[in-house]
Amino acid sequence: KAQFGMWAMFASPLFMSVDLRTITQEALDILKNKNVI
């Protein structure tokens, strides 16, 4: 959460580097948070 939130604050490019075939729902929910995006 901290990395995703800070990268949003930095106006950073958001490039995931994760195996999306096995990603947990918990992590996916972070990456899909519309308010943070």
Full PDB file with SEQRES, HELIX, SHEET, SSBOND, CRYST1, ORIGX, SCALE, CONECT and MASTER records, all heavy atoms in Angstrom:
SEQRES   1 A   37  LYS ALA GLN PHE GLY MET TRP ALA MET PHE ALA SER PRO          
SEQRES   2 A   37  LEU PHE MET SER VAL ASP LEU ARG THR ILE THR GLN GLU          
SEQRES   3 A   37  ALA LEU ASP ILE LEU LYS ASN LYS ASN VAL ILE                  
HELIX    1 AA1 ALA A    2  MET A    9  1                                   8    
HELIX    2 AA2 GLN A   25  LEU A   31  1                                   7    
CRYST1    1.000    1.000    1.000  90.00  90.00  90.00 P 1           1          
ORIGX1      1.000000  0.000000  0.000000        0.00000                         
ORIGX2      0.000000  1.000000  0.000000        0.00000                         
ORIGX3      0.000000  0.000000  1.000000        0.00000                         
SCALE1      1.000000  0.000000  0.000000        0.00000                         
SCALE2      0.000000  1.000000  0.000000        0.00000                         
SCALE3      0.000000  0.000000  1.000000        0.00000                         
ATOM      1  N   LYS A   1       0.836  -1.205   0.000  1.00  0.00           N  
ATOM      2  CA  LYS A   1       0.000   0.000   0.000  1.00  0.00           C  
ATOM      3  C   LYS A   1       0.869   1.252   0.000  1.00  0.00           C  
ATOM      4  O   LYS A   1       0.580   2.219  -0.720  1.00  0.00           O  
ATOM      5  CB  LYS A   1      -0.915   0.028   1.228  1.00  0.00           C  
ATOM      6  CG  LYS A   1      -2.133  -0.844   1.141  1.00  0.00           C  
ATOM      7  CD  LYS A   1      -2.981  -0.726   2.401  1.00  0.00           C  
ATOM      8  CE  LYS A   1      -3.470   0.698   2.633  1.00  0.00           C  
ATOM      9  NZ  LYS A   1      -4.323   0.802   3.845  1.00  0.00           N  
ATOM     10  N   ALA A   2       1.922   1.221   0.800  1.00  0.00           N  
ATOM     11  CA  ALA A   2       2.786   2.401   0.908  1.00  0.00           C  
ATOM     12  C   ALA A   2       3.457   2.703  -0.426  1.00  0.00           C  
ATOM     13  O   ALA A   2       3.504   3.858  -0.862  1.00  0.00           O  
ATOM     14  CB  ALA A   2       3.830   2.194   2.003  1.00  0.00           C  
ATOM     15  N   GLN A   3       3.992   1.671  -1.096  1.00  0.00           N  
ATOM     16  CA  GLN A   3       4.635   1.946  -2.379  1.00  0.00           C  
ATOM     17  C   GLN A   3       3.633   2.479  -3.391  1.00  0.00           C  
ATOM     18  O   GLN A   3       3.887   3.470  -4.081  1.00  0.00           O  
ATOM     19  CB  GLN A   3       5.327   0.710  -2.966  1.00  0.00           C  
ATOM     20  CG  GLN A   3       6.225   1.120  -4.128  1.00  0.00           C  
ATOM     21  CD  GLN A   3       6.553   0.040  -5.134  1.00  0.00           C  
ATOM     22  OE1 GLN A   3       6.025  -1.066  -5.084  1.00  0.00           O  
ATOM     23  NE2 GLN A   3       7.432   0.354  -6.061  1.00  0.00           N  
ATOM     24  N   PHE A   4       2.481   1.828  -3.491  1.00  0.00           N  
ATOM     25  CA  PHE A   4       1.497   2.258  -4.477  1.00  0.00           C  
ATOM     26  C   PHE A   4       1.019   3.679  -4.182  1.00  0.00           C  
ATOM     27  O   PHE A   4       0.892   4.514  -5.093  1.00  0.00           O  
ATOM     28  CB  PHE A   4       0.318   1.288  -4.491  1.00  0.00           C  
ATOM     29  CG  PHE A   4      -0.576   1.455  -5.680  1.00  0.00           C  
ATOM     30  CD1 PHE A   4      -0.089   1.318  -6.965  1.00  0.00           C  
ATOM     31  CD2 PHE A   4      -1.924   1.750  -5.512  1.00  0.00           C  
ATOM     32  CE1 PHE A   4      -0.919   1.465  -8.069  1.00  0.00           C  
ATOM     33  CE2 PHE A   4      -2.758   1.902  -6.608  1.00  0.00           C  
ATOM     34  CZ  PHE A   4      -2.254   1.758  -7.888  1.00  0.00           C  
ATOM     35  N   GLY A   5       0.772   3.980  -2.916  1.00  0.00           N  
ATOM     36  CA  GLY A   5       0.316   5.317  -2.551  1.00  0.00           C  
ATOM     37  C   GLY A   5       1.357   6.384  -2.825  1.00  0.00           C  
ATOM     38  O   GLY A   5       1.035   7.466  -3.339  1.00  0.00           O  
ATOM     39  N   MET A   6       2.615   6.099  -2.509  1.00  0.00           N  
ATOM     40  CA  MET A   6       3.658   7.089  -2.745  1.00  0.00           C  
ATOM     41  C   MET A   6       3.930   7.268  -4.231  1.00  0.00           C  
ATOM     42  O   MET A   6       4.168   8.376  -4.700  1.00  0.00           O  
ATOM     43  CB  MET A   6       4.940   6.702  -2.005  1.00  0.00           C  
ATOM     44  CG  MET A   6       4.853   6.832  -0.488  1.00  0.00           C  
ATOM     45  SD  MET A   6       4.306   8.469   0.092  1.00  0.00           S  
ATOM     46  CE  MET A   6       5.596   9.519  -0.569  1.00  0.00           C  
ATOM     47  N   TRP A   7       3.884   6.191  -5.005  1.00  0.00           N  
ATOM     48  CA  TRP A   7       4.069   6.328  -6.455  1.00  0.00           C  
ATOM     49  C   TRP A   7       2.927   7.155  -7.059  1.00  0.00           C  
ATOM     50  O   TRP A   7       3.152   7.921  -7.998  1.00  0.00           O  
ATOM     51  CB  TRP A   7       4.170   4.954  -7.109  1.00  0.00           C  
ATOM     52  CG  TRP A   7       5.551   4.423  -7.296  1.00  0.00           C  
ATOM     53  CD1 TRP A   7       6.065   3.913  -8.452  1.00  0.00           C  
ATOM     54  CD2 TRP A   7       6.623   4.333  -6.329  1.00  0.00           C  
ATOM     55  NE1 TRP A   7       7.372   3.504  -8.260  1.00  0.00           N  
ATOM     56  CE2 TRP A   7       7.745   3.755  -6.983  1.00  0.00           C  
ATOM     57  CE3 TRP A   7       6.744   4.676  -4.984  1.00  0.00           C  
ATOM     58  CZ2 TRP A   7       8.958   3.525  -6.325  1.00  0.00           C  
ATOM     59  CZ3 TRP A   7       7.940   4.455  -4.332  1.00  0.00           C  
ATOM     60  CH2 TRP A   7       9.025   3.898  -4.991  1.00  0.00           C  
ATOM     61  N   ALA A   8       1.733   7.017  -6.501  1.00  0.00           N  
ATOM     62  CA  ALA A   8       0.635   7.871  -6.954  1.00  0.00           C  
ATOM     63  C   ALA A   8       0.919   9.327  -6.616  1.00  0.00           C  
ATOM     64  O   ALA A   8       0.696  10.232  -7.433  1.00  0.00           O  
ATOM     65  CB  ALA A   8      -0.685   7.424  -6.315  1.00  0.00           C  
ATOM     66  N   MET A   9       1.427   9.575  -5.431  1.00  0.00           N  
ATOM     67  CA  MET A   9       1.759  10.934  -5.030  1.00  0.00           C  
ATOM     68  C   MET A   9       2.869  11.522  -5.894  1.00  0.00           C  
ATOM     69  O   MET A   9       2.880  12.724  -6.192  1.00  0.00           O  
ATOM     70  CB  MET A   9       2.189  10.951  -3.563  1.00  0.00           C  
ATOM     71  CG  MET A   9       1.080  10.684  -2.561  1.00  0.00           C  
ATOM     72  SD  MET A   9      -0.100  12.049  -2.445  1.00  0.00           S  
ATOM     73  CE  MET A   9       0.866  13.251  -1.525  1.00  0.00           C  
ATOM     74  N   PHE A  10       3.805  10.687  -6.327  1.00  0.00           N  
ATOM     75  CA  PHE A  10       4.921  11.164  -7.138  1.00  0.00           C  
ATOM     76  C   PHE A  10       4.537  11.451  -8.588  1.00  0.00           C  
ATOM     77  O   PHE A  10       5.395  11.861  -9.374  1.00  0.00           O  
ATOM     78  CB  PHE A  10       6.053  10.129  -7.141  1.00  0.00           C  
ATOM     79  CG  PHE A  10       6.751   9.958  -5.820  1.00  0.00           C  
ATOM     80  CD1 PHE A  10       7.341   8.742  -5.492  1.00  0.00           C  
ATOM     81  CD2 PHE A  10       6.838  10.994  -4.906  1.00  0.00           C  
ATOM     82  CE1 PHE A  10       7.996   8.568  -4.280  1.00  0.00           C  
ATOM     83  CE2 PHE A  10       7.479  10.831  -3.690  1.00  0.00           C  
ATOM     84  CZ  PHE A  10       8.064   9.610  -3.378  1.00  0.00           C  
ATOM     85  N   ALA A  11       3.275  11.242  -8.955  1.00  0.00           N  
ATOM     86  CA  ALA A  11       2.885  11.325 -10.371  1.00  0.00           C  
ATOM     87  C   ALA A  11       3.818  10.430 -11.187  1.00  0.00           C  
ATOM     88  O   ALA A  11       4.293  10.785 -12.261  1.00  0.00           O  
ATOM     89  CB  ALA A  11       2.912  12.761 -10.893  1.00  0.00           C  
ATOM     90  N   SER A  12       4.084   9.252 -10.633  1.00  0.00           N  
ATOM     91  CA  SER A  12       5.018   8.317 -11.245  1.00  0.00           C  
ATOM     92  C   SER A  12       4.332   7.478 -12.306  1.00  0.00           C  
ATOM     93  O   SER A  12       3.139   7.165 -12.177  1.00  0.00           O  
ATOM     94  CB  SER A  12       5.576   7.386 -10.160  1.00  0.00           C  
ATOM     95  OG  SER A  12       6.194   6.248 -10.730  1.00  0.00           O  
ATOM     96  N   PRO A  13       5.062   7.062 -13.337  1.00  0.00           N  
ATOM     97  CA  PRO A  13       4.553   5.975 -14.156  1.00  0.00           C  
ATOM     98  C   PRO A  13       4.227   4.777 -13.264  1.00  0.00           C  
ATOM     99  O   PRO A  13       4.971   4.473 -12.328  1.00  0.00           O  
ATOM    100  CB  PRO A  13       5.728   5.662 -15.091  1.00  0.00           C  
ATOM    101  CG  PRO A  13       6.520   6.931 -15.141  1.00  0.00           C  
ATOM    102  CD  PRO A  13       6.387   7.544 -13.780  1.00  0.00           C  
ATOM    103  N   LEU A  14       3.127   4.115 -13.534  1.00  0.00           N  
ATOM    104  CA  LEU A  14       2.715   2.952 -12.749  1.00  0.00           C  
ATOM    105  C   LEU A  14       2.889   1.703 -13.603  1.00  0.00           C  
ATOM    106  O   LEU A  14       1.998   1.315 -14.364  1.00  0.00           O  
ATOM    107  CB  LEU A  14       1.260   3.094 -12.286  1.00  0.00           C  
ATOM    108  CG  LEU A  14       0.942   4.267 -11.365  1.00  0.00           C  
ATOM    109  CD1 LEU A  14      -0.531   4.263 -10.980  1.00  0.00           C  
ATOM    110  CD2 LEU A  14       1.822   4.247 -10.105  1.00  0.00           C  
ATOM    111  N   PHE A  15       4.070   1.084 -13.482  1.00  0.00           N  
ATOM    112  CA  PHE A  15       4.348  -0.129 -14.231  1.00  0.00           C  
ATOM    113  C   PHE A  15       4.475  -1.301 -13.258  1.00  0.00           C  
ATOM    114  O   PHE A  15       5.432  -1.385 -12.490  1.00  0.00           O  
ATOM    115  CB  PHE A  15       5.624   0.024 -15.063  1.00  0.00           C  
ATOM    116  CG  PHE A  15       5.413   0.833 -16.309  1.00  0.00           C  
ATOM    117  CD1 PHE A  15       5.762   2.174 -16.349  1.00  0.00           C  
ATOM    118  CD2 PHE A  15       4.842   0.258 -17.428  1.00  0.00           C  
ATOM    119  CE1 PHE A  15       5.542   2.932 -17.489  1.00  0.00           C  
ATOM    120  CE2 PHE A  15       4.614   1.009 -18.576  1.00  0.00           C  
ATOM    121  CZ  PHE A  15       4.966   2.351 -18.612  1.00  0.00           C  
ATOM    122  N   MET A  16       3.482  -2.164 -13.289  1.00  0.00           N  
ATOM    123  CA  MET A  16       3.511  -3.374 -12.485  1.00  0.00           C  
ATOM    124  C   MET A  16       4.636  -4.279 -12.987  1.00  0.00           C  
ATOM    125  O   MET A  16       4.919  -4.323 -14.182  1.00  0.00           O  
ATOM    126  CB  MET A  16       2.189  -4.133 -12.608  1.00  0.00           C  
ATOM    127  CG  MET A  16       0.958  -3.316 -12.305  1.00  0.00           C  
ATOM    128  SD  MET A  16      -0.576  -4.231 -12.678  1.00  0.00           S  
ATOM    129  CE  MET A  16      -0.544  -4.227 -14.492  1.00  0.00           C  
ATOM    130  N   SER A  17       5.264  -5.020 -12.070  1.00  0.00           N  
ATOM    131  CA  SER A  17       6.200  -6.062 -12.463  1.00  0.00           C  
ATOM    132  C   SER A  17       5.932  -7.261 -11.567  1.00  0.00           C  
ATOM    133  O   SER A  17       6.619  -7.490 -10.573  1.00  0.00           O  
ATOM    134  CB  SER A  17       7.650  -5.587 -12.359  1.00  0.00           C  
ATOM    135  OG  SER A  17       8.516  -6.493 -13.017  1.00  0.00           O  
ATOM    136  N   VAL A  18       4.898  -7.993 -11.921  1.00  0.00           N  
ATOM    137  CA  VAL A  18       4.370  -9.073 -11.096  1.00  0.00           C  
ATOM    138  C   VAL A  18       3.808 -10.126 -12.038  1.00  0.00           C  
ATOM    139  O   VAL A  18       3.407  -9.815 -13.159  1.00  0.00           O  
ATOM    140  CB  VAL A  18       3.277  -8.537 -10.139  1.00  0.00           C  
ATOM    141  CG1 VAL A  18       2.136  -7.883 -10.910  1.00  0.00           C  
ATOM    142  CG2 VAL A  18       2.735  -9.628  -9.223  1.00  0.00           C  
ATOM    143  N   ASP A  19       3.784 -11.375 -11.587  1.00  0.00           N  
ATOM    144  CA  ASP A  19       3.156 -12.426 -12.381  1.00  0.00           C  
ATOM    145  C   ASP A  19       1.649 -12.327 -12.197  1.00  0.00           C  
ATOM    146  O   ASP A  19       1.102 -12.740 -11.172  1.00  0.00           O  
ATOM    147  CB  ASP A  19       3.675 -13.799 -11.958  1.00  0.00           C  
ATOM    148  CG  ASP A  19       3.279 -14.895 -12.941  1.00  0.00           C  
ATOM    149  OD1 ASP A  19       2.301 -14.692 -13.698  1.00  0.00           O  
ATOM    150  OD2 ASP A  19       3.940 -15.946 -12.954  1.00  0.00           O  
ATOM    151  N   LEU A  20       0.977 -11.770 -13.181  1.00  0.00           N  
ATOM    152  CA  LEU A  20      -0.463 -11.554 -13.087  1.00  0.00           C  
ATOM    153  C   LEU A  20      -1.252 -12.853 -13.137  1.00  0.00           C  
ATOM    154  O   LEU A  20      -2.436 -12.877 -12.801  1.00  0.00           O  
ATOM    155  CB  LEU A  20      -0.921 -10.617 -14.210  1.00  0.00           C  
ATOM    156  CG  LEU A  20      -0.392  -9.183 -14.123  1.00  0.00           C  
ATOM    157  CD1 LEU A  20      -0.752  -8.410 -15.385  1.00  0.00           C  
ATOM    158  CD2 LEU A  20      -0.944  -8.463 -12.885  1.00  0.00           C  
ATOM    159  N   ARG A  21      -0.607 -13.943 -13.513  1.00  0.00           N  
ATOM    160  CA  ARG A  21      -1.280 -15.241 -13.544  1.00  0.00           C  
ATOM    161  C   ARG A  21      -1.470 -15.812 -12.146  1.00  0.00           C  
ATOM    162  O   ARG A  21      -2.335 -16.673 -11.931  1.00  0.00           O  
ATOM    163  CB  ARG A  21      -0.488 -16.218 -14.408  1.00  0.00           C  
ATOM    164  CG  ARG A  21      -0.330 -15.793 -15.860  1.00  0.00           C  
ATOM    165  CD  ARG A  21       0.739 -16.586 -16.596  1.00  0.00           C  
ATOM    166  NE  ARG A  21       2.069 -16.388 -16.012  1.00  0.00           N  
ATOM    167  CZ  ARG A  21       3.201 -16.737 -16.616  1.00  0.00           C  
ATOM    168  NH1 ARG A  21       3.169 -17.280 -17.827  1.00  0.00           N  
ATOM    169  NH2 ARG A  21       4.368 -16.540 -16.029  1.00  0.00           N  
ATOM    170  N   THR A  22      -0.658 -15.350 -11.193  1.00  0.00           N  
ATOM    171  CA  THR A  22      -0.705 -15.903  -9.843  1.00  0.00           C  
ATOM    172  C   THR A  22      -0.874 -14.824  -8.779  1.00  0.00           C  
ATOM    173  O   THR A  22      -0.744 -15.111  -7.591  1.00  0.00           O  
ATOM    174  CB  THR A  22       0.585 -16.694  -9.551  1.00  0.00           C  
ATOM    175  OG1 THR A  22       1.720 -15.836  -9.706  1.00  0.00           O  
ATOM    176  CG2 THR A  22       0.714 -17.879 -10.490  1.00  0.00           C  
ATOM    177  N   ILE A  23      -1.160 -13.594  -9.161  1.00  0.00           N  
ATOM    178  CA  ILE A  23      -1.252 -12.498  -8.205  1.00  0.00           C  
ATOM    179  C   ILE A  23      -2.371 -12.741  -7.194  1.00  0.00           C  
ATOM    180  O   ILE A  23      -3.426 -13.294  -7.525  1.00  0.00           O  
ATOM    181  CB  ILE A  23      -1.465 -11.151  -8.945  1.00  0.00           C  
ATOM    182  CG1 ILE A  23      -1.288  -9.972  -7.980  1.00  0.00           C  
ATOM    183  CG2 ILE A  23      -2.808 -11.117  -9.661  1.00  0.00           C  
ATOM    184  CD1 ILE A  23      -1.288  -8.616  -8.682  1.00  0.00           C  
ATOM    185  N   THR A  24      -2.136 -12.346  -5.946  1.00  0.00           N  
ATOM    186  CA  THR A  24      -3.160 -12.499  -4.917  1.00  0.00           C  
ATOM    187  C   THR A  24      -4.239 -11.444  -5.088  1.00  0.00           C  
ATOM    188  O   THR A  24      -4.002 -10.372  -5.641  1.00  0.00           O  
ATOM    189  CB  THR A  24      -2.551 -12.372  -3.517  1.00  0.00           C  
ATOM    190  OG1 THR A  24      -2.074 -11.026  -3.330  1.00  0.00           O  
ATOM    191  CG2 THR A  24      -1.409 -13.357  -3.309  1.00  0.00           C  
ATOM    192  N   GLN A  25      -5.416 -11.745  -4.598  1.00  0.00           N  
ATOM    193  CA  GLN A  25      -6.501 -10.767  -4.664  1.00  0.00           C  
ATOM    194  C   GLN A  25      -6.166  -9.534  -3.847  1.00  0.00           C  
ATOM    195  O   GLN A  25      -6.520  -8.407  -4.214  1.00  0.00           O  
ATOM    196  CB  GLN A  25      -7.806 -11.391  -4.152  1.00  0.00           C  
ATOM    197  CG  GLN A  25      -9.037 -10.516  -4.352  1.00  0.00           C  
ATOM    198  CD  GLN A  25      -9.312 -10.235  -5.811  1.00  0.00           C  
ATOM    199  OE1 GLN A  25      -9.321 -11.151  -6.635  1.00  0.00           O  
ATOM    200  NE2 GLN A  25      -9.544  -8.970  -6.159  1.00  0.00           N  
ATOM    201  N   GLU A  26      -5.467  -9.724  -2.740  1.00  0.00           N  
ATOM    202  CA  GLU A  26      -5.074  -8.609  -1.874  1.00  0.00           C  
ATOM    203  C   GLU A  26      -4.218  -7.603  -2.630  1.00  0.00           C  
ATOM    204  O   GLU A  26      -4.452  -6.391  -2.577  1.00  0.00           O  
ATOM    205  CB  GLU A  26      -4.313  -9.183  -0.679  1.00  0.00           C  
ATOM    206  CG  GLU A  26      -4.005  -8.199   0.415  1.00  0.00           C  
ATOM    207  CD  GLU A  26      -3.344  -8.892   1.590  1.00  0.00           C  
ATOM    208  OE1 GLU A  26      -2.208  -9.389   1.432  1.00  0.00           O  
ATOM    209  OE2 GLU A  26      -3.962  -8.950   2.669  1.00  0.00           O  
ATOM    210  N   ALA A  27      -3.212  -8.115  -3.356  1.00  0.00           N  
ATOM    211  CA  ALA A  27      -2.343  -7.230  -4.128  1.00  0.00           C  
ATOM    212  C   ALA A  27      -3.100  -6.615  -5.298  1.00  0.00           C  
ATOM    213  O   ALA A  27      -2.921  -5.437  -5.626  1.00  0.00           O  
ATOM    214  CB  ALA A  27      -1.126  -7.991  -4.625  1.00  0.00           C  
ATOM    215  N   LEU A  28      -3.946  -7.401  -5.943  1.00  0.00           N  
ATOM    216  CA  LEU A  28      -4.714  -6.895  -7.078  1.00  0.00           C  
ATOM    217  C   LEU A  28      -5.633  -5.762  -6.659  1.00  0.00           C  
ATOM    218  O   LEU A  28      -5.786  -4.770  -7.384  1.00  0.00           O  
ATOM    219  CB  LEU A  28      -5.521  -8.036  -7.698  1.00  0.00           C  
ATOM    220  CG  LEU A  28      -6.261  -7.718  -8.994  1.00  0.00           C  
ATOM    221  CD1 LEU A  28      -5.295  -7.309 -10.097  1.00  0.00           C  
ATOM    222  CD2 LEU A  28      -7.092  -8.927  -9.425  1.00  0.00           C  
ATOM    223  N   ASP A  29      -6.215  -5.887  -5.476  1.00  0.00           N  
ATOM    224  CA  ASP A  29      -7.098  -4.823  -4.993  1.00  0.00           C  
ATOM    225  C   ASP A  29      -6.339  -3.513  -4.804  1.00  0.00           C  
ATOM    226  O   ASP A  29      -6.884  -2.427  -5.038  1.00  0.00           O  
ATOM    227  CB  ASP A  29      -7.753  -5.243  -3.677  1.00  0.00           C  
ATOM    228  CG  ASP A  29      -8.817  -6.319  -3.857  1.00  0.00           C  
ATOM    229  OD1 ASP A  29      -9.262  -6.529  -5.001  1.00  0.00           O  
ATOM    230  OD2 ASP A  29      -9.184  -6.959  -2.850  1.00  0.00           O  
ATOM    231  N   ILE A  30      -5.085  -3.607  -4.377  1.00  0.00           N  
ATOM    232  CA  ILE A  30      -4.265  -2.393  -4.249  1.00  0.00           C  
ATOM    233  C   ILE A  30      -4.062  -1.766  -5.625  1.00  0.00           C  
ATOM    234  O   ILE A  30      -4.283  -0.564  -5.825  1.00  0.00           O  
ATOM    235  CB  ILE A  30      -2.917  -2.721  -3.587  1.00  0.00           C  
ATOM    236  CG1 ILE A  30      -3.121  -3.120  -2.126  1.00  0.00           C  
ATOM    237  CG2 ILE A  30      -1.969  -1.511  -3.684  1.00  0.00           C  
ATOM    238  CD1 ILE A  30      -1.851  -3.619  -1.442  1.00  0.00           C  
ATOM    239  N   LEU A  31      -3.648  -2.569  -6.582  1.00  0.00           N  
ATOM    240  CA  LEU A  31      -3.339  -2.059  -7.922  1.00  0.00           C  
ATOM    241  C   LEU A  31      -4.575  -1.529  -8.644  1.00  0.00           C  
ATOM    242  O   LEU A  31      -4.450  -0.706  -9.558  1.00  0.00           O  
ATOM    243  CB  LEU A  31      -2.693  -3.167  -8.755  1.00  0.00           C  
ATOM    244  CG  LEU A  31      -1.297  -3.605  -8.301  1.00  0.00           C  
ATOM    245  CD1 LEU A  31      -0.899  -4.903  -8.998  1.00  0.00           C  
ATOM    246  CD2 LEU A  31      -0.266  -2.516  -8.571  1.00  0.00           C  
ATOM    247  N   LYS A  32      -5.755  -1.972  -8.236  1.00  0.00           N  
ATOM    248  CA  LYS A  32      -6.992  -1.568  -8.905  1.00  0.00           C  
ATOM    249  C   LYS A  32      -7.738  -0.476  -8.150  1.00  0.00           C  
ATOM    250  O   LYS A  32      -8.855  -0.120  -8.537  1.00  0.00           O  
ATOM    251  CB  LYS A  32      -7.905  -2.776  -9.089  1.00  0.00           C  
ATOM    252  CG  LYS A  32      -7.365  -3.824 -10.057  1.00  0.00           C  
ATOM    253  CD  LYS A  32      -8.301  -5.007 -10.217  1.00  0.00           C  
ATOM    254  CE  LYS A  32      -9.580  -4.620 -10.939  1.00  0.00           C  
ATOM    255  NZ  LYS A  32     -10.437  -5.800 -11.205  1.00  0.00           N  
ATOM    256  N   ASN A  33      -7.139   0.064  -7.103  1.00  0.00           N  
ATOM    257  CA  ASN A  33      -7.836   1.070  -6.308  1.00  0.00           C  
ATOM    258  C   ASN A  33      -8.035   2.342  -7.143  1.00  0.00           C  
ATOM    259  O   ASN A  33      -7.087   3.084  -7.424  1.00  0.00           O  
ATOM    260  CB  ASN A  33      -7.042   1.387  -5.038  1.00  0.00           C  
ATOM    261  CG  ASN A  33      -7.832   2.232  -4.061  1.00  0.00           C  
ATOM    262  OD1 ASN A  33      -8.283   3.325  -4.379  1.00  0.00           O  
ATOM    263  ND2 ASN A  33      -8.013   1.714  -2.864  1.00  0.00           N  
ATOM    264  N   LYS A  34      -9.271   2.593  -7.531  1.00  0.00           N  
ATOM    265  CA  LYS A  34      -9.563   3.691  -8.450  1.00  0.00           C  
ATOM    266  C   LYS A  34      -9.260   5.055  -7.839  1.00  0.00           C  
ATOM    267  O   LYS A  34      -8.863   5.982  -8.554  1.00  0.00           O  
ATOM    268  CB  LYS A  34     -11.033   3.629  -8.879  1.00  0.00           C  
ATOM    269  CG  LYS A  34     -11.375   2.422  -9.719  1.00  0.00           C  
ATOM    270  CD  LYS A  34     -12.841   2.437 -10.146  1.00  0.00           C  
ATOM    271  CE  LYS A  34     -13.188   1.232 -11.000  1.00  0.00           C  
ATOM    272  NZ  LYS A  34     -14.621   1.233 -11.403  1.00  0.00           N  
ATOM    273  N   ASN A  35      -9.440   5.189  -6.540  1.00  0.00           N  
ATOM    274  CA  ASN A  35      -9.199   6.484  -5.904  1.00  0.00           C  
ATOM    275  C   ASN A  35      -7.710   6.830  -5.897  1.00  0.00           C  
ATOM    276  O   ASN A  35      -7.329   7.987  -6.116  1.00  0.00           O  
ATOM    277  CB  ASN A  35      -9.737   6.479  -4.473  1.00  0.00           C  
ATOM    278  CG  ASN A  35     -11.233   6.280  -4.419  1.00  0.00           C  
ATOM    279  OD1 ASN A  35     -11.966   6.749  -5.275  1.00  0.00           O  
ATOM    280  ND2 ASN A  35     -11.698   5.553  -3.409  1.00  0.00           N  
ATOM    281  N   VAL A  36      -6.872   5.824  -5.644  1.00  0.00           N  
ATOM    282  CA  VAL A  36      -5.425   6.060  -5.655  1.00  0.00           C  
ATOM    283  C   VAL A  36      -4.955   6.332  -7.081  1.00  0.00           C  
ATOM    284  O   VAL A  36      -4.135   7.231  -7.321  1.00  0.00           O  
ATOM    285  CB  VAL A  36      -4.681   4.867  -5.034  1.00  0.00           C  
ATOM    286  CG1 VAL A  36      -3.172   5.134  -5.026  1.00  0.00           C  
ATOM    287  CG2 VAL A  36      -5.171   4.602  -3.616  1.00  0.00           C  
ATOM    288  N   ILE A  37      -5.475   5.561  -8.028  1.00  0.00           N  
ATOM    289  CA  ILE A  37      -5.118   5.796  -9.425  1.00  0.00           C  
ATOM    290  C   ILE A  37      -5.498   7.207  -9.849  1.00  0.00           C  
ATOM    291  O   ILE A  37      -4.766   7.881 -10.582  1.00  0.00           O  
ATOM    292  CB  ILE A  37      -5.789   4.744 -10.335  1.00  0.00           C  
ATOM    293  CG1 ILE A  37      -5.169   3.363 -10.079  1.00  0.00           C  
ATOM    294  CG2 ILE A  37      -5.651   5.125 -11.812  1.00  0.00           C  
ATOM    295  CD1 ILE A  37      -5.883   2.225 -10.779  1.00  0.00           C  
TER     296      ILE A  37                                                      
MASTER        0    0    0    2    0    0    0    6  295    1    0    3          
END                                                                             
